[in-house]
Structures are given as C-alpha cells and as structure tokens.
Amino acid sequence: MTLVLGDIGGTNARLAFSNSAYDCLKNPKIFSCNDFSRIEDLLSHYFMVSNINPTALSLAVAGPVLDDIVKLTNRSWEFSKKKISRDFKLERANFINDFAAQAYAQVPYFSEDYQILNWEKGQSDSIGKLIQGSSNQQGPLLVLGPGTGLGVATLVFGRNEKTVLQGEGGQVHFTPRNRLEVDFYFWLRERFKNVSAEEAISGRGLENIYRFLIDKEDYPDKKKKLEYLSAADIGEAALIGDKICIKAVKLMFGILGTVAANAVLTNGSWGGVVIAGGISPKLIELFKESPFWSNFSRHEVYQELLKRVSIYIFSDPLGGLKGAQIAYRETLDGNPSSRLQE
C-alpha cells in the first residue's frame, strides 16, 4: 500500500506518503501553489519526484469538501474528487477540510489510547499550553488559527471514535469589541461587501489591519509606510520592534480571541482551544502580549466558564499531513460520508 497525504492551503501545499495508515511519513515536501495550474498537476509532480504509484490518498484542502466538486476558498483551484480517484487509479480516497486535518492532528496529544508507529521523537514539543485553564481534556477541542485564511474545526471524542466537525468558521461575520475594532470594521466595510472574520484574522487580514492603522494615524513617513507590505514583512518587522507592525499583530490576535470565545460557546469546546495555522507560532511572544486572553475571557455572563478553558499553541509544520493520515485511519471503518463515494 502507498498512501499519499496532502495538506493543500491557499499559498503552500505539503505532501508526503506512508506505507500504511499507521506508519511514519516519508519524503515530506513543501510546494508553492503558484507553481502549478491545477491540483492534479501538483499531485502528478509529487508522484513523479517521489517515484511512487499511490493506491490511496488522504487530501486536506482549504475549503469545504461536501460535494464532488471541491473549490478552494482562497485560491482559484477546483477539482472533482471522483475524477482524481479515477484518473490516478486509486483504490480509496479521503477528502477533508485542511483545519479538520489540524484537528485530527491533536488526537495523539489529547487521547491516551492513540498510538501511531514511528512518529519522530520530541513530537510533544509541537504543542504547548499558553494559558493554564482548568478545562477537561475529554471535552470537545476547538482548533483554529490564521494562515492564508482563517481555519476553524472542532474535535469531539466519542466513546469509541473521534469525530471532527468541519466548518468554515473564517467566514463568520467580524464582531468588534472596542472602539479601535469598531473603526477597523467600518474601514473594512468601505472596501469589502462581506466583512468576515477572515478579513481581520489571516495573512491578508494582517495586511488590512496594517493599512488601517497607517490610514488612521498621522505618521510623519505615512507615504513610505503605505508602500505594500506582505503579512510576512509585517510579522518580521514586528519581531524587530516596528511599533505599527507590533500594534497590527496584537490587534489581529485580540480579534482572534473574540472569534475563539464565540466558537467555544457555540460548540461547547470546554476541552480547550488549540491555535494552529502558519502565523501564530512565528509570533508567539506577541501573541502572549496581545489582548487575545482578555477578549476571549471577557464575557458578561460566562466569564468564569471561559476562564477555565486552556489555550494551546500547535507548531508542527507537518501537522496537516499527520492529521490527514489519522483521518484516513479513523474513516477506514467509519462514516462513509467522509469517504469518496463511487
């Protein structure tokens, strides 16, 4: 058996393969999505450079996967699940949302009965508790975080199985909590028809916040600062002390706190909150200094309940691939709606 695992985001794609649903990852590689016209081209390239003929596929993609035709949320890629299975002569194919994969990747950390062969030593270093809540780890676990977009999923532990609730939480409406966030909300309203949380909590969200702050303040070198800065540029500048970029990063994490609290209250995710995605681990010290926790725990009715919830950071760059592997394993004899239907 050759099982190919994929984690396809809006910017980058990660691929690896294994010899079973239980074995270690082999030949993990990262690709820029811009280098390929279609997801089929990406898969074909990986099969060729890895010299493999896969028999199974577990693919996590940044978008909803309910129908046969899958469209990525933040990239103009779409594909047919049935056609991919047929064209590559796969015996089995599994498709999930990319943050569902991040949620499945938490299973080894929060489930005592789970084991997988040959995972690298020191994997426990990939997750750490930031805020010492007193939550019950057997409860549902919220997994969310900013990357190209904002991903959200919930991991639920049943008696004999693990279930992930796949959603599109990044598309919920942005809810401001203070005057600065209100001003930012109206700044976004002037530019976008739909002001989703993703317009504030993501790579482009960070860019939006930076431009808003430059517009709002009368900086002496305003014209120079309005030159295009990518999210990566803003993050790097924040890490070396640029005050505007630091303010932008902290504002983004503060808004993330509100979204996380709303999701916890909606799903009853008392088991904890895991912050994943490509941005947060790189800016962890600024995360700790941000208003995330105050926005998360400040609630007129359920403040004490929210203060019990532990906050974790997940920094494994191969987490999505491992989650795709676990999802494949969990659905071998599980919910057929999660699998390709012939």
Protein backbone atom coordinates (compact mmCIF):
# COMPACT_ATOMS: atom_id res chain seq x y z
CA MET A 1 0.00 0.00 0.00
CA THR A 2 1.17 3.52 -0.80
CA LEU A 3 -0.92 6.19 0.91
CA VAL A 4 -0.31 9.77 -0.25
CA LEU A 5 -1.10 12.51 2.24
CA GLY A 6 -1.71 16.13 1.28
CA ASP A 7 -2.30 19.42 3.06
CA ILE A 8 -3.28 21.98 0.42
CA GLY A 9 -3.58 25.59 1.58
CA GLY A 10 -4.15 28.83 -0.25
CA THR A 11 -0.41 29.54 -0.53
CA ASN A 12 1.57 26.36 0.11
CA ALA A 13 0.99 22.65 -0.33
CA ARG A 14 2.57 19.89 1.74
CA LEU A 15 2.73 16.30 0.54
CA ALA A 16 4.14 13.06 1.92
CA PHE A 17 3.41 9.35 1.71
CA SER A 18 3.38 6.34 4.01
CA ASN A 19 3.17 2.59 3.67
CA SER A 20 0.02 2.36 5.77
CA ALA A 21 -2.42 4.42 7.78
CA TYR A 22 -0.22 3.74 10.82
CA ASP A 23 3.32 4.19 9.55
CA CYS A 24 5.64 7.21 9.56
CA LEU A 25 5.62 9.93 6.89
CA LYS A 26 8.09 9.55 4.05
CA ASN A 27 9.56 12.20 1.74
CA PRO A 28 7.57 15.22 3.05
CA LYS A 29 7.86 18.18 0.68
CA ILE A 30 6.52 21.72 0.57
CA PHE A 31 5.47 23.35 -2.71
CA SER A 32 4.26 26.80 -3.68
CA CYS A 33 0.76 26.54 -5.11
CA ASN A 34 1.67 29.29 -7.58
CA ASP A 35 3.97 26.83 -9.35
CA PHE A 36 1.04 24.70 -10.51
CA SER A 37 -2.06 25.43 -12.58
CA ARG A 38 -4.15 22.65 -11.07
CA ILE A 39 -4.10 20.41 -8.05
CA GLU A 40 -3.83 17.42 -10.41
CA ASP A 41 -0.53 18.83 -11.74
CA LEU A 42 0.77 19.18 -8.19
CA LEU A 43 -0.11 15.58 -7.35
CA SER A 44 1.41 14.24 -10.58
CA HIS A 45 4.63 16.14 -9.90
CA TYR A 46 4.90 14.77 -6.38
CA PHE A 47 4.24 11.20 -7.53
CA MET A 48 7.00 11.58 -10.12
CA VAL A 49 9.67 13.10 -7.83
CA SER A 50 8.87 10.52 -5.14
CA ASN A 51 8.85 7.66 -7.68
CA ILE A 52 5.60 6.22 -6.36
CA ASN A 53 2.37 4.80 -7.75
CA PRO A 54 -0.13 5.52 -4.98
CA THR A 55 -3.02 3.24 -4.18
CA ALA A 56 -4.73 5.57 -1.70
CA LEU A 57 -5.00 9.28 -1.00
CA SER A 58 -5.98 11.39 2.00
CA LEU A 59 -6.18 15.02 1.00
CA ALA A 60 -6.83 18.02 3.24
CA VAL A 61 -7.78 21.17 1.34
CA ALA A 62 -8.55 24.75 2.35
CA GLY A 63 -12.23 24.79 1.54
CA PRO A 64 -15.49 22.86 2.03
CA VAL A 65 -15.46 19.26 0.77
CA LEU A 66 -19.14 18.33 0.96
CA ASP A 67 -19.71 17.87 -2.78
CA ASP A 68 -17.83 16.06 -5.54
CA ILE A 69 -16.59 19.37 -6.95
CA VAL A 70 -14.27 20.99 -4.40
CA LYS A 71 -13.37 24.68 -4.64
CA LEU A 72 -10.60 26.17 -2.54
CA THR A 73 -11.67 29.25 -0.60
CA ASN A 74 -8.59 31.41 -1.20
CA ARG A 75 -7.26 30.01 -4.49
CA SER A 76 -8.89 29.57 -7.89
CA TRP A 77 -8.47 25.80 -7.85
CA GLU A 78 -11.29 23.32 -8.15
CA PHE A 79 -11.36 19.59 -8.78
CA SER A 80 -13.62 16.55 -8.86
CA LYS A 81 -13.00 14.02 -6.11
CA LYS A 82 -14.27 11.17 -8.27
CA LYS A 83 -12.15 12.22 -11.24
CA ILE A 84 -8.96 12.38 -9.15
CA SER A 85 -9.64 8.88 -7.83
CA ARG A 86 -10.37 7.57 -11.32
CA ASP A 87 -7.50 9.32 -13.14
CA PHE A 88 -4.87 8.23 -10.62
CA LYS A 89 -6.37 4.72 -10.31
CA LEU A 90 -6.78 4.97 -6.56
CA GLU A 91 -8.40 2.20 -4.57
CA ARG A 92 -9.51 4.64 -1.91
CA ALA A 93 -9.57 8.41 -1.45
CA ASN A 94 -10.45 10.54 1.55
CA PHE A 95 -11.05 14.32 1.42
CA ILE A 96 -11.32 16.66 4.39
CA ASN A 97 -11.03 20.34 5.17
CA ASP A 98 -7.49 21.49 5.99
CA PHE A 99 -8.41 22.53 9.53
CA ALA A 100 -10.24 19.28 10.05
CA ALA A 101 -6.80 17.75 9.45
CA GLN A 102 -5.29 20.10 12.03
CA ALA A 103 -7.98 18.94 14.45
CA TYR A 104 -7.26 15.26 13.77
CA ALA A 105 -3.58 16.01 14.37
CA GLN A 106 -4.43 16.78 18.01
CA VAL A 107 -5.63 13.22 18.69
CA PRO A 108 -2.22 11.89 19.86
CA TYR A 109 -1.90 14.75 22.35
CA PHE A 110 -5.37 14.56 23.85
CA SER A 111 -6.27 10.86 23.57
CA GLU A 112 -4.44 8.40 25.80
CA ASP A 113 -5.42 5.36 23.73
CA TYR A 114 -3.97 6.61 20.46
CA GLN A 115 -0.65 5.39 19.11
CA ILE A 116 0.99 5.69 15.71
CA LEU A 117 4.19 3.99 14.64
CA ASN A 118 7.50 5.77 14.26
CA TRP A 119 6.47 9.37 14.78
CA GLU A 120 9.62 11.35 15.37
CA LYS A 121 10.95 11.80 18.87
CA GLY A 122 10.12 15.06 20.56
CA GLN A 123 6.70 15.44 18.94
CA SER A 124 5.36 16.70 22.27
CA ASP A 125 7.37 19.86 21.65
CA SER A 126 4.91 20.74 18.88
CA ILE A 127 2.17 21.69 21.30
CA GLY A 128 2.38 23.78 24.44
CA LYS A 129 -0.06 25.31 26.90
CA LEU A 130 -0.06 29.11 26.91
CA ILE A 131 -2.80 29.80 29.41
CA GLN A 132 -3.34 27.49 32.36
CA GLY A 133 -7.04 26.89 32.28
CA SER A 134 -8.63 24.03 34.19
CA SER A 135 -10.57 22.55 31.28
CA ASN A 136 -11.50 18.89 30.96
CA GLN A 137 -9.34 17.44 28.20
CA GLN A 138 -12.02 14.86 27.43
CA GLY A 139 -14.35 17.61 26.24
CA PRO A 140 -14.58 18.89 22.66
CA LEU A 141 -11.47 20.69 21.46
CA LEU A 142 -11.59 23.83 19.31
CA VAL A 143 -8.81 24.14 16.73
CA LEU A 144 -8.42 27.41 14.83
CA GLY A 145 -5.84 29.82 13.55
CA PRO A 146 -4.77 32.28 10.88
CA GLY A 147 -2.82 31.40 7.76
CA THR A 148 -3.74 32.36 4.21
CA GLY A 149 -7.28 32.29 5.59
CA LEU A 150 -8.81 31.55 9.00
CA GLY A 151 -9.42 27.88 9.70
CA VAL A 152 -11.78 26.52 12.35
CA ALA A 153 -12.69 22.95 13.34
CA THR A 154 -13.82 21.05 16.44
CA LEU A 155 -12.55 17.66 17.62
CA VAL A 156 -15.09 15.59 19.57
CA PHE A 157 -14.10 12.47 21.48
CA GLY A 158 -16.76 9.77 21.48
CA ARG A 159 -16.74 6.51 23.37
CA ASN A 160 -15.09 4.55 20.56
CA GLU A 161 -14.32 7.13 17.90
CA LYS A 162 -13.09 10.64 17.21
CA THR A 163 -15.25 12.98 15.16
CA VAL A 164 -14.22 16.28 13.62
CA LEU A 165 -16.82 18.96 12.91
CA GLN A 166 -15.74 20.58 9.67
CA GLY A 167 -16.88 24.13 9.05
CA GLU A 168 -16.00 27.45 7.51
CA GLY A 169 -15.61 29.48 10.68
CA GLY A 170 -13.38 32.01 8.93
CA GLN A 171 -16.45 33.25 7.07
CA VAL A 172 -18.44 34.27 10.15
CA HIS A 173 -19.04 38.00 10.46
CA PHE A 174 -16.42 40.09 12.19
CA THR A 175 -17.70 41.31 15.57
CA PRO A 176 -15.76 44.30 17.00
CA ARG A 177 -15.36 44.61 20.77
CA ASN A 178 -13.88 48.08 21.33
CA ARG A 179 -13.59 51.47 19.66
CA LEU A 180 -10.47 50.65 17.67
CA GLU A 181 -12.02 47.44 16.37
CA VAL A 182 -15.23 49.32 15.51
CA ASP A 183 -13.21 51.83 13.48
CA PHE A 184 -11.44 48.97 11.74
CA TYR A 185 -14.77 47.29 11.00
CA PHE A 186 -16.09 50.39 9.22
CA TRP A 187 -12.77 50.77 7.38
CA LEU A 188 -13.30 47.23 6.06
CA ARG A 189 -16.95 47.95 5.21
CA GLU A 190 -15.80 50.66 2.81
CA ARG A 191 -13.67 48.12 0.94
CA PHE A 192 -15.45 44.76 1.10
CA LYS A 193 -19.03 43.65 0.55
CA ASN A 194 -18.75 41.00 3.24
CA VAL A 195 -16.72 41.76 6.37
CA SER A 196 -15.85 38.28 7.54
CA ALA A 197 -13.56 37.39 10.42
CA GLU A 198 -11.05 36.25 7.80
CA GLU A 199 -10.62 39.85 6.61
CA ALA A 200 -9.07 40.55 10.02
CA ILE A 201 -7.55 37.22 11.06
CA SER A 202 -5.37 35.85 8.27
CA GLY A 203 -2.40 36.87 6.19
CA ARG A 204 -4.43 39.39 4.23
CA GLY A 205 -6.21 40.31 7.47
CA LEU A 206 -2.89 41.37 8.97
CA GLU A 207 -2.21 43.41 5.84
CA ASN A 208 -5.66 45.01 6.17
CA ILE A 209 -5.01 45.93 9.80
CA TYR A 210 -1.62 47.45 8.97
CA ARG A 211 -3.10 49.65 6.23
CA PHE A 212 -5.96 50.67 8.53
CA LEU A 213 -3.54 51.76 11.25
CA ILE A 214 -1.45 53.75 8.75
CA ASP A 215 -4.62 55.43 7.45
CA LYS A 216 -5.88 56.16 10.95
CA GLU A 217 -2.71 57.71 12.37
CA ASP A 218 -0.85 60.76 11.08
CA TYR A 219 2.60 59.26 10.72
CA PRO A 220 5.45 61.51 9.50
CA ASP A 221 6.51 58.92 6.90
CA LYS A 222 2.98 57.85 6.08
CA LYS A 223 3.53 57.73 2.32
CA LYS A 224 6.53 55.45 2.69
CA LYS A 225 4.73 53.17 5.15
CA LEU A 226 1.76 52.81 2.80
CA GLU A 227 4.00 51.03 0.33
CA TYR A 228 2.97 47.39 0.02
CA LEU A 229 4.00 45.16 2.89
CA SER A 230 3.11 41.47 2.91
CA ALA A 231 1.93 39.70 6.04
CA ALA A 232 5.39 38.11 6.30
CA ASP A 233 7.00 41.57 6.08
CA ILE A 234 4.71 42.90 8.81
CA GLY A 235 5.44 39.93 11.06
CA GLU A 236 9.19 40.25 10.58
CA ALA A 237 9.08 43.99 11.24
CA ALA A 238 7.05 43.40 14.40
CA LEU A 239 9.64 40.96 15.67
CA ILE A 240 12.40 43.57 15.36
CA GLY A 241 10.39 46.27 17.10
CA ASP A 242 8.40 48.25 14.49
CA LYS A 243 5.66 49.83 16.63
CA ILE A 244 2.96 49.95 13.96
CA CYS A 245 3.55 46.33 12.98
CA ILE A 246 3.52 45.25 16.62
CA LYS A 247 0.19 47.04 17.08
CA ALA A 248 -1.19 45.35 13.94
CA VAL A 249 -0.18 41.86 15.11
CA LYS A 250 -1.62 42.37 18.58
CA LEU A 251 -4.88 43.73 17.18
CA MET A 252 -5.23 40.66 14.95
CA PHE A 253 -4.68 38.29 17.89
CA GLY A 254 -7.15 40.26 20.00
CA ILE A 255 -9.85 39.80 17.37
CA LEU A 256 -8.93 36.10 17.22
CA GLY A 257 -9.72 35.92 20.94
CA THR A 258 -13.29 37.05 20.32
CA VAL A 259 -13.80 34.56 17.47
CA ALA A 260 -12.38 31.75 19.62
CA ALA A 261 -14.67 32.59 22.55
CA ASN A 262 -17.74 32.68 20.30
CA ALA A 263 -16.82 29.27 18.84
CA VAL A 264 -16.22 27.75 22.29
CA LEU A 265 -19.61 28.95 23.50
CA THR A 266 -21.31 27.74 20.31
CA ASN A 267 -19.76 24.26 20.25
CA GLY A 268 -19.22 23.73 23.97
CA SER A 269 -15.50 23.26 23.38
CA TRP A 270 -14.57 23.09 27.06
CA GLY A 271 -11.69 20.71 26.29
CA GLY A 272 -9.51 23.62 25.23
CA VAL A 273 -8.51 25.83 22.32
CA VAL A 274 -5.61 24.95 20.04
CA ILE A 275 -4.16 27.80 17.99
CA ALA A 276 -2.72 26.36 14.77
CA GLY A 277 -2.03 27.79 11.31
CA GLY A 278 1.11 29.27 9.84
CA ILE A 279 1.18 32.67 11.55
CA SER A 280 0.75 32.25 15.31
CA PRO A 281 3.77 30.03 16.13
CA LYS A 282 6.10 32.53 14.45
CA LEU A 283 4.75 35.40 16.55
CA ILE A 284 4.23 33.57 19.82
CA GLU A 285 5.72 36.25 22.10
CA LEU A 286 3.47 38.91 20.58
CA PHE A 287 0.55 36.51 20.94
CA LYS A 288 1.25 36.30 24.68
CA GLU A 289 1.36 40.12 24.92
CA SER A 290 -1.78 40.63 22.84
CA PRO A 291 -5.36 41.13 24.12
CA PHE A 292 -6.27 37.60 22.99
CA TRP A 293 -6.96 36.36 26.52
CA SER A 294 -8.80 39.49 27.66
CA ASN A 295 -11.06 39.36 24.60
CA PHE A 296 -11.51 35.61 24.98
CA SER A 297 -12.39 35.58 28.68
CA ARG A 298 -14.21 38.92 28.99
CA HIS A 299 -17.89 37.94 28.87
CA GLU A 300 -20.78 39.48 30.74
CA VAL A 301 -22.43 36.13 31.53
CA TYR A 302 -19.88 33.31 31.11
CA GLN A 303 -16.58 34.90 32.09
CA GLU A 304 -15.81 32.32 34.79
CA LEU A 305 -16.68 29.47 32.44
CA LEU A 306 -14.39 30.77 29.69
CA LYS A 307 -11.53 31.32 32.14
CA ARG A 308 -11.44 27.56 32.74
CA VAL A 309 -10.55 26.87 29.11
CA SER A 310 -6.88 26.16 28.39
CA ILE A 311 -5.22 27.74 25.35
CA TYR A 312 -2.57 25.77 23.44
CA ILE A 313 -0.27 26.61 20.54
CA PHE A 314 0.38 23.98 17.85
CA SER A 315 3.51 24.45 15.77
CA ASP A 316 4.10 21.18 13.91
CA PRO A 317 4.70 22.12 10.23
CA LEU A 318 3.61 18.61 9.23
CA GLY A 319 0.52 18.64 11.43
CA GLY A 320 -1.87 18.78 8.49
CA LEU A 321 -0.26 15.72 6.90
CA LYS A 322 -0.38 13.77 10.14
CA GLY A 323 -3.99 14.82 10.58
CA ALA A 324 -4.83 13.64 7.06
CA GLN A 325 -3.28 10.28 7.93
CA ILE A 326 -5.24 10.00 11.17
CA ALA A 327 -8.45 10.98 9.36
CA TYR A 328 -7.82 8.21 6.83
CA ARG A 329 -7.28 5.73 9.67
CA GLU A 330 -10.37 6.88 11.55
CA THR A 331 -12.61 6.51 8.49
CA LEU A 332 -11.40 3.08 7.38
CA ASP A 333 -14.50 1.63 9.01
CA GLY A 334 -16.22 4.87 9.91
CA ASN A 335 -18.58 7.39 8.42
CA PRO A 336 -18.97 6.75 4.67
CA SER A 337 -19.85 10.39 4.07
CA SER A 338 -16.22 11.22 4.81
CA ARG A 339 -15.03 8.92 2.03
CA LEU A 340 -15.22 9.07 -1.74
CA GLN A 341 -18.48 7.68 -2.98
CA GLU A 342 -18.25 5.54 -6.10
